[in-house]
Amino acid sequence: MGDIEGFQKISKVYDTLMKSAKFTAAQNKAESGEYVSAIDEFILLCERDAPIERYYISEPKDKPDETLADMRNYVHRLVTEEMNLGNLIESAVRTMAREESKEEDEDTTDNLGLTLDEITEEVLTDGDFTEHYERLEAEADEDAATIRDLLEEDDG
């Protein structure tokens, strides 16, 4: 904003407040030799005076712990005690494969209920195309003759 004088005044007030509140690192370190400047120093200080022991819980203490223990026990029993687990898995995989093949078959069926194989079973030849176009020409000639006859009747 270009207000240099205002900045200098605010800076002096800030420095004065920091020194009077003893927030500066130099003041804290000089007054007490136990100033900690980083978290690792703090942890080292705590560990040196009273080591933090490992704490293990042998039984669940809340609902999530109980739920996890129940799930762990269920999976353990399922894997170790269920004799038919392999057959169940294989059966599920076969069922999924059958469902996928049904979906693929439905995708290849057109609106008339014909499968792609049934449609391409009869391949068209050049003779089929020639016959089709000859039939179209013959129908066009017949239509033209009919129109001529109708026009002649109207004139006569």
N, C-alpha and C. Protein backbone atom coordinates (compact mmCIF):
# COMPACT_ATOMS: atom_id res chain seq x y z
N MET A 1 0.82 -1.19 0.00
CA MET A 1 0.00 0.00 0.00
C MET A 1 0.86 1.26 0.00
N GLY A 2 2.18 1.11 0.27
CA GLY A 2 3.08 2.26 0.26
C GLY A 2 3.16 2.99 1.60
N ASP A 3 2.58 2.44 2.66
CA ASP A 3 2.60 3.09 3.98
C ASP A 3 3.78 2.55 4.76
N ILE A 4 4.97 3.03 4.47
CA ILE A 4 6.21 2.57 5.11
C ILE A 4 6.22 2.96 6.58
N GLU A 5 5.82 4.14 6.91
CA GLU A 5 5.82 4.61 8.30
C GLU A 5 4.89 3.76 9.16
N GLY A 6 3.71 3.44 8.64
CA GLY A 6 2.76 2.59 9.38
C GLY A 6 3.34 1.21 9.61
N PHE A 7 4.01 0.67 8.61
CA PHE A 7 4.63 -0.64 8.75
C PHE A 7 5.72 -0.62 9.82
N GLN A 8 6.55 0.42 9.82
CA GLN A 8 7.62 0.52 10.81
C GLN A 8 7.05 0.61 12.22
N LYS A 9 5.97 1.36 12.41
CA LYS A 9 5.34 1.47 13.73
C LYS A 9 4.78 0.12 14.18
N ILE A 10 4.09 -0.56 13.26
CA ILE A 10 3.51 -1.87 13.61
C ILE A 10 4.61 -2.87 13.91
N SER A 11 5.70 -2.83 13.17
CA SER A 11 6.82 -3.75 13.39
C SER A 11 7.45 -3.53 14.75
N LYS A 12 7.61 -2.26 15.16
CA LYS A 12 8.18 -1.96 16.48
C LYS A 12 7.25 -2.45 17.59
N VAL A 13 5.95 -2.25 17.43
CA VAL A 13 4.98 -2.72 18.43
C VAL A 13 5.04 -4.24 18.53
N TYR A 14 5.11 -4.93 17.38
CA TYR A 14 5.19 -6.40 17.36
C TYR A 14 6.44 -6.88 18.10
N ASP A 15 7.60 -6.30 17.80
CA ASP A 15 8.85 -6.69 18.47
C ASP A 15 8.75 -6.46 19.97
N THR A 16 8.20 -5.34 20.37
CA THR A 16 8.07 -5.03 21.80
C THR A 16 7.18 -6.06 22.49
N LEU A 17 6.06 -6.40 21.88
CA LEU A 17 5.17 -7.40 22.46
C LEU A 17 5.84 -8.77 22.56
N MET A 18 6.57 -9.17 21.54
CA MET A 18 7.26 -10.47 21.56
C MET A 18 8.28 -10.53 22.68
N LYS A 19 9.03 -9.43 22.88
CA LYS A 19 10.06 -9.40 23.92
C LYS A 19 9.43 -9.36 25.31
N SER A 20 8.38 -8.58 25.47
CA SER A 20 7.77 -8.48 26.79
C SER A 20 7.06 -9.76 27.18
N ALA A 21 6.52 -10.49 26.22
CA ALA A 21 5.85 -11.76 26.52
C ALA A 21 6.83 -12.92 26.56
N LYS A 22 8.08 -12.64 26.23
CA LYS A 22 9.15 -13.66 26.23
C LYS A 22 8.80 -14.81 25.27
N PHE A 23 8.36 -14.43 24.06
CA PHE A 23 8.06 -15.41 23.03
C PHE A 23 9.23 -15.71 22.12
N THR A 24 10.29 -14.98 22.21
CA THR A 24 11.42 -15.20 21.31
C THR A 24 12.22 -16.39 21.79
N ALA A 25 12.81 -17.11 20.83
CA ALA A 25 13.58 -18.31 21.15
C ALA A 25 14.82 -17.96 21.98
N ALA A 26 15.45 -16.85 21.71
CA ALA A 26 16.66 -16.47 22.46
C ALA A 26 16.34 -16.25 23.92
N GLN A 27 15.22 -15.63 24.25
CA GLN A 27 14.85 -15.39 25.63
C GLN A 27 14.50 -16.69 26.34
N ASN A 28 13.79 -17.56 25.69
CA ASN A 28 13.42 -18.83 26.31
C ASN A 28 14.63 -19.70 26.55
N LYS A 29 15.56 -19.74 25.63
CA LYS A 29 16.73 -20.58 25.75
C LYS A 29 17.67 -20.04 26.82
N ALA A 30 17.79 -18.72 26.87
CA ALA A 30 18.70 -18.11 27.83
C ALA A 30 18.20 -18.28 29.24
N GLU A 31 16.90 -18.19 29.46
CA GLU A 31 16.36 -18.26 30.81
C GLU A 31 16.30 -19.68 31.33
N SER A 32 15.94 -20.66 30.48
CA SER A 32 15.87 -22.04 30.95
C SER A 32 16.61 -22.93 29.95
N GLY A 33 17.45 -23.75 30.48
CA GLY A 33 18.24 -24.62 29.63
C GLY A 33 17.44 -25.78 29.08
N GLU A 34 16.17 -25.88 29.44
CA GLU A 34 15.35 -27.00 29.00
C GLU A 34 14.39 -26.62 27.87
N TYR A 35 14.75 -25.59 27.15
CA TYR A 35 13.90 -25.18 26.02
C TYR A 35 14.02 -26.21 24.90
N VAL A 36 12.90 -26.61 24.36
CA VAL A 36 12.85 -27.61 23.29
C VAL A 36 12.45 -26.89 22.00
N SER A 37 13.28 -27.02 20.97
CA SER A 37 13.00 -26.31 19.72
C SER A 37 12.39 -27.21 18.65
N ALA A 38 12.34 -28.51 18.88
CA ALA A 38 11.77 -29.41 17.89
C ALA A 38 11.11 -30.59 18.59
N ILE A 39 10.21 -31.25 17.86
CA ILE A 39 9.46 -32.36 18.45
C ILE A 39 10.36 -33.54 18.79
N ASP A 40 11.40 -33.76 17.97
CA ASP A 40 12.28 -34.90 18.27
C ASP A 40 13.04 -34.68 19.57
N GLU A 41 13.38 -33.43 19.88
CA GLU A 41 14.03 -33.15 21.17
C GLU A 41 13.06 -33.41 22.32
N PHE A 42 11.79 -33.06 22.11
CA PHE A 42 10.79 -33.28 23.14
C PHE A 42 10.60 -34.78 23.40
N ILE A 43 10.53 -35.56 22.35
CA ILE A 43 10.37 -37.01 22.50
C ILE A 43 11.59 -37.61 23.18
N LEU A 44 12.76 -37.16 22.76
CA LEU A 44 13.99 -37.65 23.39
C LEU A 44 14.01 -37.32 24.87
N LEU A 45 13.58 -36.13 25.24
CA LEU A 45 13.51 -35.72 26.64
C LEU A 45 12.55 -36.61 27.41
N CYS A 46 11.38 -36.89 26.85
CA CYS A 46 10.39 -37.75 27.51
C CYS A 46 10.91 -39.17 27.66
N GLU A 47 11.51 -39.71 26.63
CA GLU A 47 12.02 -41.08 26.66
C GLU A 47 13.18 -41.22 27.64
N ARG A 48 14.00 -40.19 27.77
CA ARG A 48 15.14 -40.25 28.68
C ARG A 48 14.68 -40.28 30.14
N ASP A 49 13.70 -39.45 30.48
CA ASP A 49 13.24 -39.37 31.87
C ASP A 49 12.34 -40.54 32.24
N ALA A 50 11.40 -40.91 31.40
CA ALA A 50 10.48 -42.01 31.69
C ALA A 50 10.15 -42.71 30.38
N PRO A 51 10.81 -43.82 30.08
CA PRO A 51 10.55 -44.52 28.82
C PRO A 51 9.06 -44.89 28.69
N ILE A 52 8.57 -44.75 27.49
CA ILE A 52 7.18 -45.10 27.22
C ILE A 52 7.12 -46.59 26.93
N GLU A 53 6.36 -47.30 27.76
CA GLU A 53 6.27 -48.75 27.60
C GLU A 53 5.21 -49.09 26.57
N ARG A 54 5.40 -50.23 25.93
CA ARG A 54 4.42 -50.72 24.97
C ARG A 54 3.18 -51.17 25.74
N TYR A 55 2.03 -50.88 25.19
CA TYR A 55 0.78 -51.23 25.85
C TYR A 55 -0.02 -52.12 24.92
N TYR A 56 -0.25 -53.32 25.34
CA TYR A 56 -1.01 -54.28 24.54
C TYR A 56 -2.33 -54.60 25.23
N ILE A 57 -3.38 -54.68 24.40
CA ILE A 57 -4.70 -55.03 24.93
C ILE A 57 -4.96 -56.48 24.55
N SER A 58 -5.23 -57.30 25.55
CA SER A 58 -5.47 -58.71 25.28
C SER A 58 -6.92 -58.99 24.94
N GLU A 59 -7.83 -58.10 25.32
CA GLU A 59 -9.25 -58.30 25.02
C GLU A 59 -9.85 -57.00 24.49
N PRO A 60 -10.87 -57.10 23.67
CA PRO A 60 -11.49 -55.90 23.11
C PRO A 60 -12.09 -55.01 24.19
N LYS A 61 -11.95 -53.70 24.00
CA LYS A 61 -12.46 -52.76 25.00
C LYS A 61 -13.66 -51.96 24.50
N ASP A 62 -13.89 -51.90 23.18
CA ASP A 62 -15.03 -51.16 22.66
C ASP A 62 -15.64 -51.91 21.47
N LYS A 63 -16.74 -51.38 20.93
CA LYS A 63 -17.47 -52.06 19.85
C LYS A 63 -16.62 -52.32 18.60
N PRO A 64 -15.84 -51.36 18.11
CA PRO A 64 -15.02 -51.67 16.93
C PRO A 64 -14.00 -52.79 17.20
N ASP A 65 -13.42 -52.81 18.39
CA ASP A 65 -12.48 -53.89 18.73
C ASP A 65 -13.20 -55.24 18.75
N GLU A 66 -14.40 -55.26 19.32
CA GLU A 66 -15.16 -56.51 19.36
C GLU A 66 -15.56 -56.96 17.96
N THR A 67 -15.94 -56.02 17.12
CA THR A 67 -16.32 -56.35 15.75
C THR A 67 -15.14 -56.92 14.98
N LEU A 68 -13.97 -56.28 15.11
CA LEU A 68 -12.77 -56.79 14.44
C LEU A 68 -12.40 -58.18 14.94
N ALA A 69 -12.51 -58.41 16.25
CA ALA A 69 -12.19 -59.73 16.80
C ALA A 69 -13.17 -60.77 16.27
N ASP A 70 -14.46 -60.42 16.21
CA ASP A 70 -15.46 -61.36 15.67
C ASP A 70 -15.17 -61.70 14.21
N MET A 71 -14.85 -60.69 13.41
CA MET A 71 -14.55 -60.93 12.00
C MET A 71 -13.30 -61.79 11.85
N ARG A 72 -12.29 -61.52 12.65
CA ARG A 72 -11.05 -62.31 12.59
C ARG A 72 -11.34 -63.77 12.93
N ASN A 73 -12.14 -64.00 13.97
CA ASN A 73 -12.49 -65.37 14.37
C ASN A 73 -13.32 -66.06 13.29
N TYR A 74 -14.26 -65.33 12.68
CA TYR A 74 -15.11 -65.91 11.63
C TYR A 74 -14.26 -66.34 10.43
N VAL A 75 -13.38 -65.47 9.98
CA VAL A 75 -12.54 -65.81 8.82
C VAL A 75 -11.63 -66.98 9.17
N HIS A 76 -11.09 -67.01 10.37
CA HIS A 76 -10.22 -68.12 10.77
C HIS A 76 -11.00 -69.43 10.76
N ARG A 77 -12.21 -69.44 11.35
CA ARG A 77 -13.02 -70.66 11.34
C ARG A 77 -13.42 -71.06 9.93
N LEU A 78 -13.75 -70.06 9.10
CA LEU A 78 -14.17 -70.34 7.73
C LEU A 78 -13.05 -71.02 6.95
N VAL A 79 -11.84 -70.53 7.09
CA VAL A 79 -10.73 -71.06 6.32
C VAL A 79 -10.23 -72.39 6.89
N THR A 80 -10.18 -72.50 8.20
CA THR A 80 -9.58 -73.71 8.79
C THR A 80 -10.58 -74.84 9.00
N GLU A 81 -11.85 -74.51 9.25
CA GLU A 81 -12.80 -75.56 9.61
C GLU A 81 -13.80 -75.90 8.51
N GLU A 82 -14.01 -75.02 7.56
CA GLU A 82 -14.98 -75.28 6.49
C GLU A 82 -14.36 -76.22 5.46
N MET A 83 -14.85 -77.44 5.40
CA MET A 83 -14.27 -78.45 4.52
C MET A 83 -14.67 -78.25 3.06
N ASN A 84 -15.79 -77.62 2.81
CA ASN A 84 -16.34 -77.52 1.47
C ASN A 84 -16.07 -76.15 0.84
N LEU A 85 -15.14 -75.38 1.40
CA LEU A 85 -14.90 -74.01 0.94
C LEU A 85 -14.43 -73.98 -0.52
N GLY A 86 -13.53 -74.86 -0.90
CA GLY A 86 -13.03 -74.89 -2.28
C GLY A 86 -14.15 -75.15 -3.28
N ASN A 87 -15.03 -76.09 -2.95
CA ASN A 87 -16.16 -76.40 -3.83
C ASN A 87 -17.13 -75.22 -3.93
N LEU A 88 -17.35 -74.53 -2.80
CA LEU A 88 -18.23 -73.37 -2.82
C LEU A 88 -17.67 -72.27 -3.73
N ILE A 89 -16.37 -72.04 -3.66
CA ILE A 89 -15.74 -71.01 -4.48
C ILE A 89 -15.82 -71.39 -5.96
N GLU A 90 -15.51 -72.64 -6.27
CA GLU A 90 -15.57 -73.10 -7.66
C GLU A 90 -16.99 -73.00 -8.22
N SER A 91 -17.98 -73.34 -7.41
CA SER A 91 -19.37 -73.25 -7.82
C SER A 91 -19.76 -71.80 -8.11
N ALA A 92 -19.32 -70.91 -7.25
CA ALA A 92 -19.63 -69.48 -7.46
C ALA A 92 -18.97 -68.96 -8.73
N VAL A 93 -17.74 -69.38 -9.01
CA VAL A 93 -17.04 -68.94 -10.22
C VAL A 93 -17.75 -69.47 -11.46
N ARG A 94 -18.19 -70.74 -11.43
CA ARG A 94 -18.91 -71.30 -12.57
C ARG A 94 -20.23 -70.57 -12.81
N THR A 95 -20.95 -70.25 -11.73
CA THR A 95 -22.21 -69.52 -11.85
C THR A 95 -21.98 -68.15 -12.47
N MET A 96 -20.94 -67.46 -12.03
CA MET A 96 -20.63 -66.14 -12.58
C MET A 96 -20.29 -66.25 -14.06
N ALA A 97 -19.54 -67.29 -14.45
CA ALA A 97 -19.19 -67.47 -15.87
C ALA A 97 -20.43 -67.73 -16.71
N ARG A 98 -21.37 -68.53 -16.18
CA ARG A 98 -22.62 -68.80 -16.90
C ARG A 98 -23.43 -67.51 -17.09
N GLU A 99 -23.51 -66.71 -16.05
CA GLU A 99 -24.25 -65.44 -16.14
C GLU A 99 -23.62 -64.51 -17.17
N GLU A 100 -22.30 -64.46 -17.20
CA GLU A 100 -21.61 -63.61 -18.17
C GLU A 100 -21.88 -64.08 -19.60
N SER A 101 -21.87 -65.40 -19.81
CA SER A 101 -22.12 -65.91 -21.16
C SER A 101 -23.56 -65.65 -21.58
N LYS A 102 -24.51 -65.70 -20.63
CA LYS A 102 -25.90 -65.37 -20.95
C LYS A 102 -26.01 -63.92 -21.37
N GLU A 103 -25.32 -63.03 -20.67
CA GLU A 103 -25.36 -61.61 -21.00
C GLU A 103 -24.76 -61.37 -22.39
N GLU A 104 -23.68 -62.09 -22.72
CA GLU A 104 -23.07 -61.94 -24.05
C GLU A 104 -24.02 -62.44 -25.13
N ASP A 105 -24.72 -63.55 -24.87
CA ASP A 105 -25.68 -64.06 -25.84
C ASP A 105 -26.81 -63.08 -26.05
N GLU A 106 -27.28 -62.43 -24.99
CA GLU A 106 -28.35 -61.45 -25.11
C GLU A 106 -27.88 -60.25 -25.92
N ASP A 107 -26.60 -59.89 -25.79
CA ASP A 107 -26.07 -58.76 -26.54
C ASP A 107 -25.99 -59.04 -28.03
N THR A 108 -25.79 -60.30 -28.42
CA THR A 108 -25.65 -60.63 -29.85
C THR A 108 -26.99 -60.92 -30.51
N THR A 109 -28.10 -60.85 -29.78
CA THR A 109 -29.42 -61.10 -30.35
C THR A 109 -30.00 -59.79 -30.86
N ASP A 110 -30.52 -59.79 -32.11
CA ASP A 110 -31.10 -58.56 -32.64
C ASP A 110 -32.57 -58.46 -32.23
N ASN A 111 -33.27 -57.46 -32.75
CA ASN A 111 -34.65 -57.21 -32.35
C ASN A 111 -35.60 -58.32 -32.77
N LEU A 112 -35.26 -59.10 -33.79
CA LEU A 112 -36.13 -60.17 -34.26
C LEU A 112 -35.93 -61.47 -33.48
N GLY A 113 -35.03 -61.49 -32.55
CA GLY A 113 -34.77 -62.69 -31.77
C GLY A 113 -33.76 -63.61 -32.43
N LEU A 114 -33.09 -63.14 -33.48
CA LEU A 114 -32.08 -63.94 -34.15
C LEU A 114 -30.70 -63.63 -33.57
N THR A 115 -29.90 -64.65 -33.45
CA THR A 115 -28.55 -64.43 -32.98
C THR A 115 -27.67 -64.03 -34.16
N LEU A 116 -26.51 -63.53 -33.86
CA LEU A 116 -25.59 -63.10 -34.90
C LEU A 116 -25.19 -64.27 -35.79
N ASP A 117 -25.02 -65.45 -35.19
CA ASP A 117 -24.68 -66.64 -35.98
C ASP A 117 -25.80 -67.00 -36.95
N GLU A 118 -27.06 -66.89 -36.50
CA GLU A 118 -28.18 -67.21 -37.38
C GLU A 118 -28.29 -66.22 -38.52
N ILE A 119 -27.98 -64.97 -38.27
CA ILE A 119 -28.06 -63.95 -39.31
C ILE A 119 -27.00 -64.18 -40.37
N THR A 120 -25.79 -64.47 -39.98
CA THR A 120 -24.68 -64.63 -40.92
C THR A 120 -24.59 -66.04 -41.48
N GLU A 121 -25.52 -66.90 -41.08
CA GLU A 121 -25.49 -68.28 -41.56
C GLU A 121 -25.69 -68.33 -43.06
N GLU A 122 -26.62 -67.53 -43.60
CA GLU A 122 -26.87 -67.49 -45.02
C GLU A 122 -26.16 -66.27 -45.59
N VAL A 123 -25.11 -66.51 -46.32
CA VAL A 123 -24.32 -65.43 -46.90
C VAL A 123 -24.88 -65.08 -48.26
N LEU A 124 -25.05 -63.78 -48.52
CA LEU A 124 -25.56 -63.33 -49.81
C LEU A 124 -24.47 -63.39 -50.86
N THR A 125 -24.88 -63.74 -52.09
CA THR A 125 -23.93 -63.82 -53.20
C THR A 125 -24.21 -62.68 -54.18
N ASP A 126 -23.35 -62.54 -55.19
CA ASP A 126 -23.55 -61.52 -56.22
C ASP A 126 -24.85 -61.77 -56.98
N GLY A 127 -25.18 -63.03 -57.20
CA GLY A 127 -26.42 -63.37 -57.91
C GLY A 127 -27.64 -62.88 -57.15
N ASP A 128 -27.58 -62.95 -55.82
CA ASP A 128 -28.70 -62.46 -55.01
C ASP A 128 -28.90 -60.96 -55.21
N PHE A 129 -27.80 -60.22 -55.25
CA PHE A 129 -27.90 -58.77 -55.46
C PHE A 129 -28.43 -58.46 -56.86
N THR A 130 -27.94 -59.20 -57.85
CA THR A 130 -28.39 -58.98 -59.24
C THR A 130 -29.89 -59.25 -59.34
N GLU A 131 -30.33 -60.35 -58.77
CA GLU A 131 -31.75 -60.71 -58.80
C GLU A 131 -32.59 -59.63 -58.12
N HIS A 132 -32.11 -59.11 -57.00
CA HIS A 132 -32.84 -58.07 -56.25
C HIS A 132 -33.01 -56.81 -57.11
N TYR A 133 -31.91 -56.36 -57.73
CA TYR A 133 -31.99 -55.14 -58.53
C TYR A 133 -32.83 -55.35 -59.80
N GLU A 134 -32.79 -56.54 -60.39
CA GLU A 134 -33.64 -56.83 -61.56
C GLU A 134 -35.11 -56.79 -61.17
N ARG A 135 -35.43 -57.31 -59.97
CA ARG A 135 -36.80 -57.29 -59.49
C ARG A 135 -37.25 -55.84 -59.25
N LEU A 136 -36.35 -55.01 -58.70
CA LEU A 136 -36.70 -53.60 -58.50
C LEU A 136 -36.97 -52.89 -59.82
N GLU A 137 -36.15 -53.17 -60.84
CA GLU A 137 -36.35 -52.56 -62.16
C GLU A 137 -37.68 -53.01 -62.77
N ALA A 138 -37.99 -54.29 -62.62
CA ALA A 138 -39.25 -54.81 -63.18
C ALA A 138 -40.44 -54.16 -62.49
N GLU A 139 -40.37 -53.99 -61.18
CA GLU A 139 -41.46 -53.34 -60.45
C GLU A 139 -41.59 -51.88 -60.87
N ALA A 140 -40.45 -51.21 -61.08
CA ALA A 140 -40.49 -49.82 -61.53
C ALA A 140 -41.14 -49.72 -62.90
N ASP A 141 -40.82 -50.68 -63.83
CA ASP A 141 -41.42 -50.69 -65.16
C ASP A 141 -42.94 -50.91 -65.07
N GLU A 142 -43.34 -51.84 -64.19
CA GLU A 142 -44.77 -52.11 -64.01
C GLU A 142 -45.49 -50.88 -63.46
N ASP A 143 -44.86 -50.20 -62.49
CA ASP A 143 -45.46 -48.99 -61.92
C ASP A 143 -45.62 -47.91 -62.99
N ALA A 144 -44.60 -47.76 -63.82
CA ALA A 144 -44.65 -46.75 -64.88
C ALA A 144 -45.76 -47.08 -65.88
N ALA A 145 -45.91 -48.38 -66.22
CA ALA A 145 -46.96 -48.79 -67.16
C ALA A 145 -48.33 -48.55 -66.55
N THR A 146 -48.49 -48.83 -65.29
CA THR A 146 -49.78 -48.61 -64.63
C THR A 146 -50.13 -47.13 -64.61
N ILE A 147 -49.16 -46.30 -64.33
CA ILE A 147 -49.40 -44.85 -64.31
C ILE A 147 -49.78 -44.36 -65.70
N ARG A 148 -49.12 -44.87 -66.76
CA ARG A 148 -49.44 -44.48 -68.14
C ARG A 148 -50.88 -44.87 -68.48
N ASP A 149 -51.24 -46.11 -68.09
CA ASP A 149 -52.60 -46.58 -68.37
C ASP A 149 -53.63 -45.71 -67.67
N LEU A 150 -53.36 -45.34 -66.43
CA LEU A 150 -54.31 -44.51 -65.68
C LEU A 150 -54.42 -43.12 -66.31
N LEU A 151 -53.32 -42.57 -66.76
CA LEU A 151 -53.34 -41.26 -67.37
C LEU A 151 -54.08 -41.30 -68.71
N GLU A 152 -53.94 -42.38 -69.49
CA GLU A 152 -54.62 -42.50 -70.78
C GLU A 152 -56.14 -42.62 -70.57
N GLU A 153 -56.54 -43.32 -69.52
CA GLU A 153 -57.97 -43.46 -69.24
C GLU A 153 -58.58 -42.12 -68.89
N ASP A 154 -57.84 -41.31 -68.12
CA ASP A 154 -58.34 -39.99 -67.71
C ASP A 154 -58.46 -39.09 -68.92
N ASP A 155 -57.56 -39.19 -69.90
CA ASP A 155 -57.59 -38.34 -71.10
C ASP A 155 -58.70 -38.79 -72.05
N GLY A 156 -59.05 -40.04 -72.06
CA GLY A 156 -59.96 -40.56 -73.06
C GLY A 156 -61.37 -40.55 -72.71
